[in-house]
Amino acid sequence: MSDILEHLAQTLEARKGADAAQSYVASLYAKGLDAILKKVGEEAGETLIAAKNADTQALVGEVADLWFHTLVLLAHKGLGPQDVLAELQRRHGVSGHAEKAARKP
């Protein structure tokens, strides 16, 4: 299942050198961090709204949009899905309360 995440990460990395007029992702990179953050925020809000409704397919679509734009954000910051997956692996099996208590302030 993580194959699609790796493929997306490779595509997003390749788009860093693409023409912003030809690539949506390249246009986000060209606009900079604030534009990417705005897009992530918009998608998060749309995900919340979809979650309140009965249409589960709409929710899946909005979460896909949110994940995609989050991957764009990670790539912009020199990170990728493997970084998040490694963190999830590190946390696996650890109580959520214990994990939060162990975080540095």
N, C-alpha and C. Protein backbone atom coordinates (compact mmCIF):
# COMPACT_ATOMS: atom_id res chain seq x y z
N MET A 1 0.81 -1.19 0.00
CA MET A 1 0.00 0.00 0.00
C MET A 1 0.86 1.26 0.00
N SER A 2 2.02 1.21 0.61
CA SER A 2 2.88 2.40 0.62
C SER A 2 3.55 2.62 -0.73
N ASP A 3 3.38 1.70 -1.68
CA ASP A 3 3.95 1.89 -3.01
C ASP A 3 3.40 3.17 -3.65
N ILE A 4 2.10 3.42 -3.49
CA ILE A 4 1.53 4.63 -4.08
C ILE A 4 2.10 5.88 -3.41
N LEU A 5 2.36 5.80 -2.12
CA LEU A 5 2.96 6.96 -1.44
C LEU A 5 4.36 7.23 -1.97
N GLU A 6 5.12 6.18 -2.18
CA GLU A 6 6.47 6.35 -2.71
C GLU A 6 6.43 6.88 -4.14
N HIS A 7 5.50 6.36 -4.93
CA HIS A 7 5.36 6.84 -6.31
C HIS A 7 4.97 8.32 -6.32
N LEU A 8 4.01 8.70 -5.47
CA LEU A 8 3.63 10.11 -5.38
C LEU A 8 4.80 10.97 -4.94
N ALA A 9 5.57 10.49 -3.97
CA ALA A 9 6.73 11.25 -3.50
C ALA A 9 7.72 11.48 -4.63
N GLN A 10 7.96 10.48 -5.44
CA GLN A 10 8.87 10.62 -6.58
C GLN A 10 8.33 11.62 -7.59
N THR A 11 7.02 11.55 -7.85
CA THR A 11 6.40 12.48 -8.78
C THR A 11 6.47 13.91 -8.26
N LEU A 12 6.18 14.08 -6.97
CA LEU A 12 6.24 15.42 -6.39
C LEU A 12 7.65 15.99 -6.43
N GLU A 13 8.63 15.14 -6.22
CA GLU A 13 10.03 15.59 -6.30
C GLU A 13 10.36 16.02 -7.73
N ALA A 14 9.90 15.25 -8.70
CA ALA A 14 10.15 15.58 -10.11
C ALA A 14 9.49 16.89 -10.51
N ARG A 15 8.36 17.19 -9.92
CA ARG A 15 7.64 18.42 -10.25
C ARG A 15 8.35 19.67 -9.76
N LYS A 16 9.33 19.52 -8.89
CA LYS A 16 10.08 20.69 -8.41
C LYS A 16 10.79 21.39 -9.56
N GLY A 17 11.13 20.64 -10.60
CA GLY A 17 11.80 21.23 -11.75
C GLY A 17 10.88 21.46 -12.93
N ALA A 18 9.59 21.26 -12.73
CA ALA A 18 8.64 21.39 -13.84
C ALA A 18 8.22 22.84 -14.03
N ASP A 19 7.63 23.11 -15.17
CA ASP A 19 7.11 24.43 -15.51
C ASP A 19 5.83 24.67 -14.73
N ALA A 20 5.78 25.75 -13.99
CA ALA A 20 4.61 26.07 -13.17
C ALA A 20 3.35 26.29 -14.01
N ALA A 21 3.52 26.66 -15.25
CA ALA A 21 2.37 26.85 -16.13
C ALA A 21 1.79 25.52 -16.59
N GLN A 22 2.58 24.47 -16.49
CA GLN A 22 2.16 23.15 -16.97
C GLN A 22 1.82 22.17 -15.85
N SER A 23 2.21 22.47 -14.63
CA SER A 23 2.04 21.54 -13.52
C SER A 23 1.43 22.24 -12.32
N TYR A 24 0.32 21.69 -11.83
CA TYR A 24 -0.33 22.24 -10.65
C TYR A 24 0.63 22.23 -9.46
N VAL A 25 1.32 21.11 -9.26
CA VAL A 25 2.24 20.99 -8.13
C VAL A 25 3.39 21.97 -8.27
N ALA A 26 3.94 22.10 -9.46
CA ALA A 26 5.02 23.07 -9.68
C ALA A 26 4.53 24.48 -9.39
N SER A 27 3.27 24.76 -9.71
CA SER A 27 2.74 26.10 -9.44
C SER A 27 2.62 26.34 -7.93
N LEU A 28 2.28 25.30 -7.17
CA LEU A 28 2.26 25.44 -5.71
C LEU A 28 3.66 25.70 -5.18
N TYR A 29 4.64 24.93 -5.65
CA TYR A 29 6.02 25.15 -5.22
C TYR A 29 6.46 26.58 -5.55
N ALA A 30 6.10 27.06 -6.74
CA ALA A 30 6.52 28.40 -7.17
C ALA A 30 5.89 29.48 -6.30
N LYS A 31 4.69 29.25 -5.82
CA LYS A 31 4.01 30.23 -4.97
C LYS A 31 4.57 30.24 -3.55
N GLY A 32 5.21 29.14 -3.15
CA GLY A 32 5.88 29.10 -1.86
C GLY A 32 5.09 28.47 -0.74
N LEU A 33 5.73 28.47 0.42
CA LEU A 33 5.21 27.78 1.59
C LEU A 33 3.83 28.28 2.00
N ASP A 34 3.61 29.58 2.00
CA ASP A 34 2.30 30.10 2.45
C ASP A 34 1.16 29.57 1.58
N ALA A 35 1.37 29.49 0.28
CA ALA A 35 0.33 28.98 -0.62
C ALA A 35 0.07 27.49 -0.36
N ILE A 36 1.13 26.75 -0.11
CA ILE A 36 0.98 25.33 0.19
C ILE A 36 0.23 25.15 1.51
N LEU A 37 0.61 25.93 2.53
CA LEU A 37 -0.07 25.85 3.82
C LEU A 37 -1.55 26.22 3.70
N LYS A 38 -1.84 27.22 2.90
CA LYS A 38 -3.23 27.62 2.68
C LYS A 38 -4.02 26.46 2.08
N LYS A 39 -3.42 25.77 1.12
CA LYS A 39 -4.09 24.65 0.47
C LYS A 39 -4.32 23.51 1.46
N VAL A 40 -3.33 23.22 2.30
CA VAL A 40 -3.50 22.17 3.31
C VAL A 40 -4.63 22.56 4.26
N GLY A 41 -4.67 23.80 4.68
CA GLY A 41 -5.73 24.28 5.56
C GLY A 41 -7.10 24.16 4.92
N GLU A 42 -7.21 24.55 3.65
CA GLU A 42 -8.48 24.43 2.93
C GLU A 42 -8.94 22.98 2.88
N GLU A 43 -8.02 22.10 2.55
CA GLU A 43 -8.38 20.69 2.43
C GLU A 43 -8.75 20.09 3.79
N ALA A 44 -8.09 20.55 4.86
CA ALA A 44 -8.44 20.08 6.20
C ALA A 44 -9.87 20.50 6.55
N GLY A 45 -10.21 21.73 6.24
CA GLY A 45 -11.57 22.22 6.49
C GLY A 45 -12.60 21.44 5.70
N GLU A 46 -12.31 21.19 4.43
CA GLU A 46 -13.23 20.43 3.58
C GLU A 46 -13.38 19.00 4.09
N THR A 47 -12.31 18.44 4.65
CA THR A 47 -12.37 17.10 5.22
C THR A 47 -13.31 17.09 6.43
N LEU A 48 -13.20 18.10 7.27
CA LEU A 48 -14.08 18.19 8.45
C LEU A 48 -15.54 18.29 8.04
N ILE A 49 -15.82 19.11 7.05
CA ILE A 49 -17.20 19.26 6.58
C ILE A 49 -17.71 17.94 6.01
N ALA A 50 -16.90 17.27 5.21
CA ALA A 50 -17.32 15.99 4.62
C ALA A 50 -17.57 14.94 5.70
N ALA A 51 -16.80 14.99 6.77
CA ALA A 51 -16.96 14.02 7.86
C ALA A 51 -18.30 14.18 8.57
N LYS A 52 -18.86 15.38 8.54
CA LYS A 52 -20.15 15.64 9.18
C LYS A 52 -21.32 15.15 8.34
N ASN A 53 -21.09 14.86 7.07
CA ASN A 53 -22.15 14.43 6.16
C ASN A 53 -22.16 12.91 6.02
N ALA A 54 -23.22 12.40 5.41
CA ALA A 54 -23.40 10.95 5.30
C ALA A 54 -22.65 10.34 4.11
N ASP A 55 -22.16 11.15 3.20
CA ASP A 55 -21.52 10.65 1.97
C ASP A 55 -20.08 10.23 2.27
N THR A 56 -19.89 8.94 2.49
CA THR A 56 -18.55 8.46 2.85
C THR A 56 -17.56 8.59 1.69
N GLN A 57 -18.05 8.50 0.46
CA GLN A 57 -17.15 8.65 -0.69
C GLN A 57 -16.61 10.07 -0.77
N ALA A 58 -17.44 11.04 -0.42
CA ALA A 58 -16.98 12.44 -0.39
C ALA A 58 -15.89 12.59 0.68
N LEU A 59 -16.07 11.94 1.81
CA LEU A 59 -15.05 11.99 2.86
C LEU A 59 -13.74 11.39 2.38
N VAL A 60 -13.82 10.25 1.72
CA VAL A 60 -12.61 9.61 1.19
C VAL A 60 -11.92 10.54 0.20
N GLY A 61 -12.69 11.17 -0.65
CA GLY A 61 -12.11 12.10 -1.63
C GLY A 61 -11.43 13.29 -0.97
N GLU A 62 -12.05 13.83 0.06
CA GLU A 62 -11.45 14.98 0.75
C GLU A 62 -10.20 14.57 1.52
N VAL A 63 -10.21 13.40 2.13
CA VAL A 63 -9.01 12.93 2.82
C VAL A 63 -7.89 12.70 1.81
N ALA A 64 -8.23 12.18 0.63
CA ALA A 64 -7.21 12.01 -0.42
C ALA A 64 -6.61 13.36 -0.81
N ASP A 65 -7.46 14.38 -0.94
CA ASP A 65 -6.97 15.73 -1.26
C ASP A 65 -6.06 16.24 -0.14
N LEU A 66 -6.48 16.02 1.11
CA LEU A 66 -5.68 16.46 2.25
C LEU A 66 -4.34 15.76 2.28
N TRP A 67 -4.36 14.45 2.12
CA TRP A 67 -3.09 13.70 2.11
C TRP A 67 -2.19 14.18 0.98
N PHE A 68 -2.76 14.37 -0.21
CA PHE A 68 -1.97 14.81 -1.35
C PHE A 68 -1.28 16.13 -1.06
N HIS A 69 -2.04 17.10 -0.58
CA HIS A 69 -1.46 18.41 -0.32
C HIS A 69 -0.48 18.38 0.85
N THR A 70 -0.70 17.48 1.79
CA THR A 70 0.27 17.29 2.87
C THR A 70 1.56 16.70 2.32
N LEU A 71 1.46 15.81 1.35
CA LEU A 71 2.66 15.28 0.71
C LEU A 71 3.41 16.38 -0.04
N VAL A 72 2.67 17.29 -0.66
CA VAL A 72 3.31 18.44 -1.32
C VAL A 72 4.07 19.26 -0.28
N LEU A 73 3.44 19.50 0.87
CA LEU A 73 4.09 20.24 1.95
C LEU A 73 5.37 19.54 2.41
N LEU A 74 5.28 18.24 2.64
CA LEU A 74 6.46 17.48 3.07
C LEU A 74 7.58 17.61 2.03
N ALA A 75 7.24 17.43 0.77
CA ALA A 75 8.25 17.52 -0.30
C ALA A 75 8.88 18.90 -0.34
N HIS A 76 8.06 19.92 -0.17
CA HIS A 76 8.57 21.30 -0.17
C HIS A 76 9.59 21.50 0.96
N LYS A 77 9.39 20.80 2.07
CA LYS A 77 10.28 20.92 3.22
C LYS A 77 11.41 19.88 3.19
N GLY A 78 11.55 19.15 2.08
CA GLY A 78 12.62 18.17 1.95
C GLY A 78 12.34 16.86 2.67
N LEU A 79 11.08 16.59 2.92
CA LEU A 79 10.67 15.37 3.60
C LEU A 79 9.77 14.54 2.69
N GLY A 80 9.42 13.35 3.13
CA GLY A 80 8.54 12.52 2.34
C GLY A 80 7.72 11.60 3.21
N PRO A 81 6.89 10.80 2.59
CA PRO A 81 6.03 9.90 3.35
C PRO A 81 6.81 8.93 4.22
N GLN A 82 8.02 8.57 3.79
CA GLN A 82 8.82 7.64 4.59
C GLN A 82 9.16 8.23 5.96
N ASP A 83 9.29 9.54 6.04
CA ASP A 83 9.56 10.19 7.33
C ASP A 83 8.37 10.05 8.27
N VAL A 84 7.17 10.23 7.73
CA VAL A 84 5.96 10.10 8.54
C VAL A 84 5.73 8.64 8.91
N LEU A 85 5.93 7.74 7.95
CA LEU A 85 5.76 6.32 8.24
C LEU A 85 6.75 5.84 9.31
N ALA A 86 7.97 6.34 9.27
CA ALA A 86 8.96 5.98 10.29
C ALA A 86 8.51 6.47 11.66
N GLU A 87 7.94 7.67 11.71
CA GLU A 87 7.45 8.20 12.99
C GLU A 87 6.27 7.39 13.51
N LEU A 88 5.37 7.01 12.60
CA LEU A 88 4.24 6.16 13.01
C LEU A 88 4.75 4.81 13.51
N GLN A 89 5.75 4.26 12.84
CA GLN A 89 6.34 2.99 13.29
C GLN A 89 6.95 3.14 14.67
N ARG A 90 7.64 4.26 14.90
CA ARG A 90 8.24 4.50 16.20
C ARG A 90 7.19 4.56 17.29
N ARG A 91 6.05 5.14 16.99
CA ARG A 91 4.98 5.30 17.97
C ARG A 91 4.13 4.05 18.15
N HIS A 92 4.18 3.14 17.20
CA HIS A 92 3.33 1.95 17.23
C HIS A 92 3.54 1.16 18.51
N GLY A 93 2.44 0.84 19.16
CA GLY A 93 2.52 0.05 20.38
C GLY A 93 2.76 0.86 21.63
N VAL A 94 2.92 2.18 21.47
CA VAL A 94 3.14 3.06 22.61
C VAL A 94 1.82 3.74 22.93
N SER A 95 1.45 3.77 24.18
CA SER A 95 0.23 4.44 24.59
C SER A 95 0.26 5.89 24.12
N GLY A 96 -0.87 6.36 23.60
CA GLY A 96 -0.96 7.74 23.16
C GLY A 96 -0.67 8.72 24.29
N HIS A 97 -1.12 8.37 25.49
CA HIS A 97 -0.85 9.24 26.64
C HIS A 97 0.65 9.27 26.95
N ALA A 98 1.28 8.10 26.91
CA ALA A 98 2.72 8.03 27.21
C ALA A 98 3.52 8.75 26.12
N GLU A 99 3.11 8.59 24.87
CA GLU A 99 3.83 9.22 23.77
C GLU A 99 3.75 10.74 23.90
N LYS A 100 2.58 11.26 24.20
CA LYS A 100 2.42 12.72 24.34
C LYS A 100 3.23 13.22 25.55
N ALA A 101 3.25 12.48 26.63
CA ALA A 101 3.99 12.90 27.83
C ALA A 101 5.49 12.93 27.56
N ALA A 102 5.97 12.09 26.63
CA ALA A 102 7.40 12.00 26.34
C ALA A 102 7.88 13.09 25.38
N ARG A 103 6.96 13.79 24.73
CA ARG A 103 7.35 14.83 23.77
C ARG A 103 8.00 15.99 24.50
N LYS A 104 8.97 16.57 23.82
CA LYS A 104 9.63 17.76 24.37
C LYS A 104 8.69 18.94 24.22
N PRO A 105 8.62 19.83 25.21
CA PRO A 105 7.74 21.00 25.10
C PRO A 105 8.17 21.96 24.02
